[in-house]
Amino acid sequence: MIVTIAYGSIEGQTAKIADFIKGVATKNGFEATLIDTGREIDELFFEGVDKFILAASVHERRHPKPFETFIKTNRDALLAGSSLMLSVSLKAAFAKGREEAEDYLAEMILRTGFEPDESALVAGAVRPESYDYYEKEVVRHVVLRGRRVDLRDGIQEFTDWAALEAVVTAFLNR
């Protein structure tokens, strides 16, 4: 069985998630291929691919444009296999933010015209070293408003790795 994992990562957490998923897929007997949709891709071959896992981070209410372009461009190939979409955001880390995180996914589906067979929200991470002053202020006062998260503490992951593994394993074994 073959699984293709296509991802869009801005700060690196979704790339880390994609690598983790590749390990889960391999452990479950799949041949796994990673595609970073943010890099130039010469040629893609989806022949023999049984499943697709799509993962992308959310910044400023949307998934990366190259990721969405990848989905639009390869829509027919993606429809040929079963698909799982993982939407990675800080909003998904908190109960009060999950509804908004669902909206990000719904908006992406409307923009791309592609509805995955399954989807899940995945909590992301705070990586303050990659933020400029403005981005830090937005994260602090908008994204994390009312949360006890201090950006001076450095990288803080909210990803629930065990839950992610369970979602991916269940998808792969259907």
Protein backbone atom coordinates (compact mmCIF):
# COMPACT_ATOMS: atom_id res chain seq x y z
CA MET A 1 0.00 0.00 0.00
CA ILE A 2 1.23 3.48 -0.84
CA VAL A 3 0.44 6.75 0.94
CA THR A 4 1.44 10.21 -0.22
CA ILE A 5 1.78 12.87 2.48
CA ALA A 6 1.58 16.38 1.04
CA TYR A 7 2.11 19.24 3.44
CA GLY A 8 2.39 22.99 3.67
CA SER A 9 4.45 24.35 6.55
CA ILE A 10 5.31 27.94 7.41
CA GLU A 11 7.24 27.76 10.68
CA GLY A 12 8.17 24.07 10.71
CA GLN A 13 5.57 22.41 12.96
CA THR A 14 3.60 20.94 10.07
CA ALA A 15 6.84 19.63 8.51
CA LYS A 16 7.55 17.93 11.85
CA ILE A 17 4.00 16.53 11.84
CA ALA A 18 4.46 15.24 8.26
CA ASP A 19 7.69 13.45 9.25
CA PHE A 20 5.87 11.92 12.22
CA ILE A 21 3.03 10.76 9.95
CA LYS A 22 5.54 9.16 7.59
CA GLY A 23 6.86 7.15 10.54
CA VAL A 24 3.32 6.11 11.53
CA ALA A 25 2.59 5.05 7.94
CA THR A 26 5.78 3.02 7.71
CA LYS A 27 5.00 1.35 11.03
CA ASN A 28 1.61 0.39 9.58
CA GLY A 29 3.17 -1.25 6.53
CA PHE A 30 2.78 1.60 4.05
CA GLU A 31 5.31 2.92 1.59
CA ALA A 32 5.20 6.66 2.32
CA THR A 33 6.24 9.63 0.21
CA LEU A 34 6.50 13.22 1.48
CA ILE A 35 5.75 16.23 -0.71
CA ASP A 36 6.53 19.73 0.57
CA THR A 37 4.06 21.84 -1.39
CA GLY A 38 6.05 24.96 -0.57
CA ARG A 39 8.95 23.81 -2.73
CA GLU A 40 9.12 23.68 -6.48
CA ILE A 41 8.06 20.25 -7.68
CA ASP A 42 9.32 19.05 -11.06
CA GLU A 43 6.96 16.19 -11.70
CA LEU A 44 4.50 14.22 -9.62
CA PHE A 45 3.50 10.61 -10.04
CA PHE A 46 0.47 9.36 -8.16
CA GLU A 47 0.17 6.02 -9.91
CA GLY A 48 -0.52 3.29 -7.37
CA VAL A 49 -1.18 5.70 -4.49
CA ASP A 50 -3.94 4.29 -2.29
CA LYS A 51 -4.23 7.08 0.26
CA PHE A 52 -3.42 10.75 0.57
CA ILE A 53 -2.75 12.61 3.79
CA LEU A 54 -2.82 16.38 3.38
CA ALA A 55 -1.52 18.55 6.21
CA ALA A 56 -1.17 22.31 6.33
CA SER A 57 -0.75 25.02 8.89
CA VAL A 58 -3.11 27.96 9.20
CA HIS A 59 -1.78 31.53 9.26
CA GLU A 60 -3.98 34.58 9.07
CA ARG A 61 -7.09 32.41 8.66
CA ARG A 62 -5.88 30.36 5.71
CA HIS A 63 -3.69 27.49 4.69
CA PRO A 64 -0.60 28.34 2.58
CA LYS A 65 -1.42 29.36 -1.00
CA PRO A 66 1.06 26.85 -2.52
CA PHE A 67 -0.69 24.07 -0.56
CA GLU A 68 -4.11 25.13 -1.81
CA THR A 69 -2.73 25.40 -5.35
CA PHE A 70 -1.35 21.86 -5.03
CA ILE A 71 -4.82 20.63 -4.07
CA LYS A 72 -6.53 22.47 -6.94
CA THR A 73 -3.95 21.30 -9.48
CA ASN A 74 -4.02 17.66 -8.35
CA ARG A 75 -7.70 17.42 -7.45
CA ASP A 76 -8.47 14.54 -9.84
CA ALA A 77 -5.55 12.46 -8.57
CA LEU A 78 -6.54 13.15 -4.96
CA LEU A 79 -10.10 12.02 -5.69
CA ALA A 80 -8.77 8.69 -7.02
CA GLY A 81 -7.64 7.62 -3.54
CA SER A 82 -8.99 8.11 -0.06
CA SER A 83 -7.91 11.30 1.67
CA LEU A 84 -7.38 12.70 5.14
CA MET A 85 -6.92 16.45 5.64
CA LEU A 86 -5.13 17.66 8.78
CA SER A 87 -5.61 21.35 9.47
CA VAL A 88 -2.89 22.54 11.86
CA SER A 89 -3.51 25.66 13.94
CA LEU A 90 -3.15 27.15 17.39
CA LYS A 91 -6.92 27.64 17.51
CA ALA A 92 -7.28 23.84 17.42
CA ALA A 93 -5.33 23.64 20.69
CA PHE A 94 -8.07 25.28 22.74
CA ALA A 95 -11.73 24.32 23.17
CA LYS A 96 -12.90 27.89 22.56
CA GLY A 97 -10.92 28.08 19.31
CA ARG A 98 -12.01 24.82 17.71
CA GLU A 99 -15.09 26.28 16.02
CA GLU A 100 -12.93 28.92 14.34
CA ALA A 101 -10.42 26.22 13.38
CA GLU A 102 -13.28 24.31 11.71
CA ASP A 103 -14.09 27.47 9.76
CA TYR A 104 -10.51 27.58 8.37
CA LEU A 105 -10.97 24.08 7.02
CA ALA A 106 -14.41 24.83 5.56
CA GLU A 107 -13.04 27.96 3.85
CA MET A 108 -10.18 25.96 2.31
CA ILE A 109 -12.63 23.39 0.98
CA LEU A 110 -14.66 26.19 -0.64
CA ARG A 111 -11.55 27.78 -2.17
CA THR A 112 -10.10 24.53 -3.55
CA GLY A 113 -13.28 22.71 -4.50
CA PHE A 114 -11.84 19.58 -2.89
CA GLU A 115 -13.54 17.86 0.01
CA PRO A 116 -11.40 15.20 1.70
CA ASP A 117 -12.94 11.90 2.79
CA GLU A 118 -11.88 12.61 6.36
CA SER A 119 -10.49 15.59 8.23
CA ALA A 120 -9.10 16.43 11.64
CA LEU A 121 -7.97 19.51 13.49
CA VAL A 122 -4.44 19.32 14.86
CA ALA A 123 -3.00 21.70 17.43
CA GLY A 124 0.14 23.45 16.24
CA ALA A 125 2.95 25.21 18.06
CA VAL A 126 4.20 28.63 19.03
CA ARG A 127 7.63 29.36 17.56
CA PRO A 128 8.43 32.92 18.69
CA GLU A 129 11.94 32.94 17.23
CA SER A 130 10.41 32.96 13.76
CA TYR A 131 8.10 35.94 14.47
CA ASP A 132 8.83 39.59 13.89
CA TYR A 133 7.52 42.17 16.37
CA TYR A 134 4.14 42.52 14.65
CA GLU A 135 3.61 38.76 14.44
CA LYS A 136 4.47 38.34 18.13
CA GLU A 137 1.88 40.96 19.04
CA VAL A 138 -0.78 39.29 16.89
CA VAL A 139 -0.01 35.88 18.42
CA ARG A 140 0.02 37.29 21.95
CA HIS A 141 -3.05 39.54 21.74
CA VAL A 142 -5.24 37.79 19.17
CA VAL A 143 -4.40 34.12 18.75
CA LEU A 144 -3.49 33.44 22.38
CA ARG A 145 -5.70 36.07 24.01
CA GLY A 146 -6.67 34.93 27.50
CA ARG A 147 -4.30 31.95 27.44
CA ARG A 148 -1.42 31.39 29.83
CA VAL A 149 1.29 31.17 27.22
CA ASP A 150 4.43 33.29 27.54
CA LEU A 151 6.26 33.79 24.26
CA ARG A 152 9.49 34.35 26.19
CA ASP A 153 9.44 30.63 27.02
CA GLY A 154 10.42 29.80 23.44
CA ILE A 155 8.91 27.05 21.32
CA GLN A 156 5.79 25.54 22.82
CA GLU A 157 4.14 22.59 21.13
CA PHE A 158 0.45 21.92 21.59
CA THR A 159 0.34 18.95 19.20
CA ASP A 160 -1.13 15.85 20.84
CA TRP A 161 1.13 13.24 19.23
CA ALA A 162 -0.76 10.23 20.61
CA ALA A 163 -4.10 11.55 19.32
CA LEU A 164 -2.52 12.34 15.94
CA GLU A 165 -1.10 8.83 15.69
CA ALA A 166 -4.53 7.37 16.51
CA VAL A 167 -6.25 9.46 13.79
CA VAL A 168 -3.64 8.58 11.17
CA THR A 169 -3.54 4.89 12.09
CA ALA A 170 -7.34 4.63 11.95
CA PHE A 171 -7.38 6.31 8.52
CA LEU A 172 -4.62 4.09 7.14
CA ASN A 173 -6.31 0.91 8.33
CA ARG A 174 -9.73 1.64 6.79
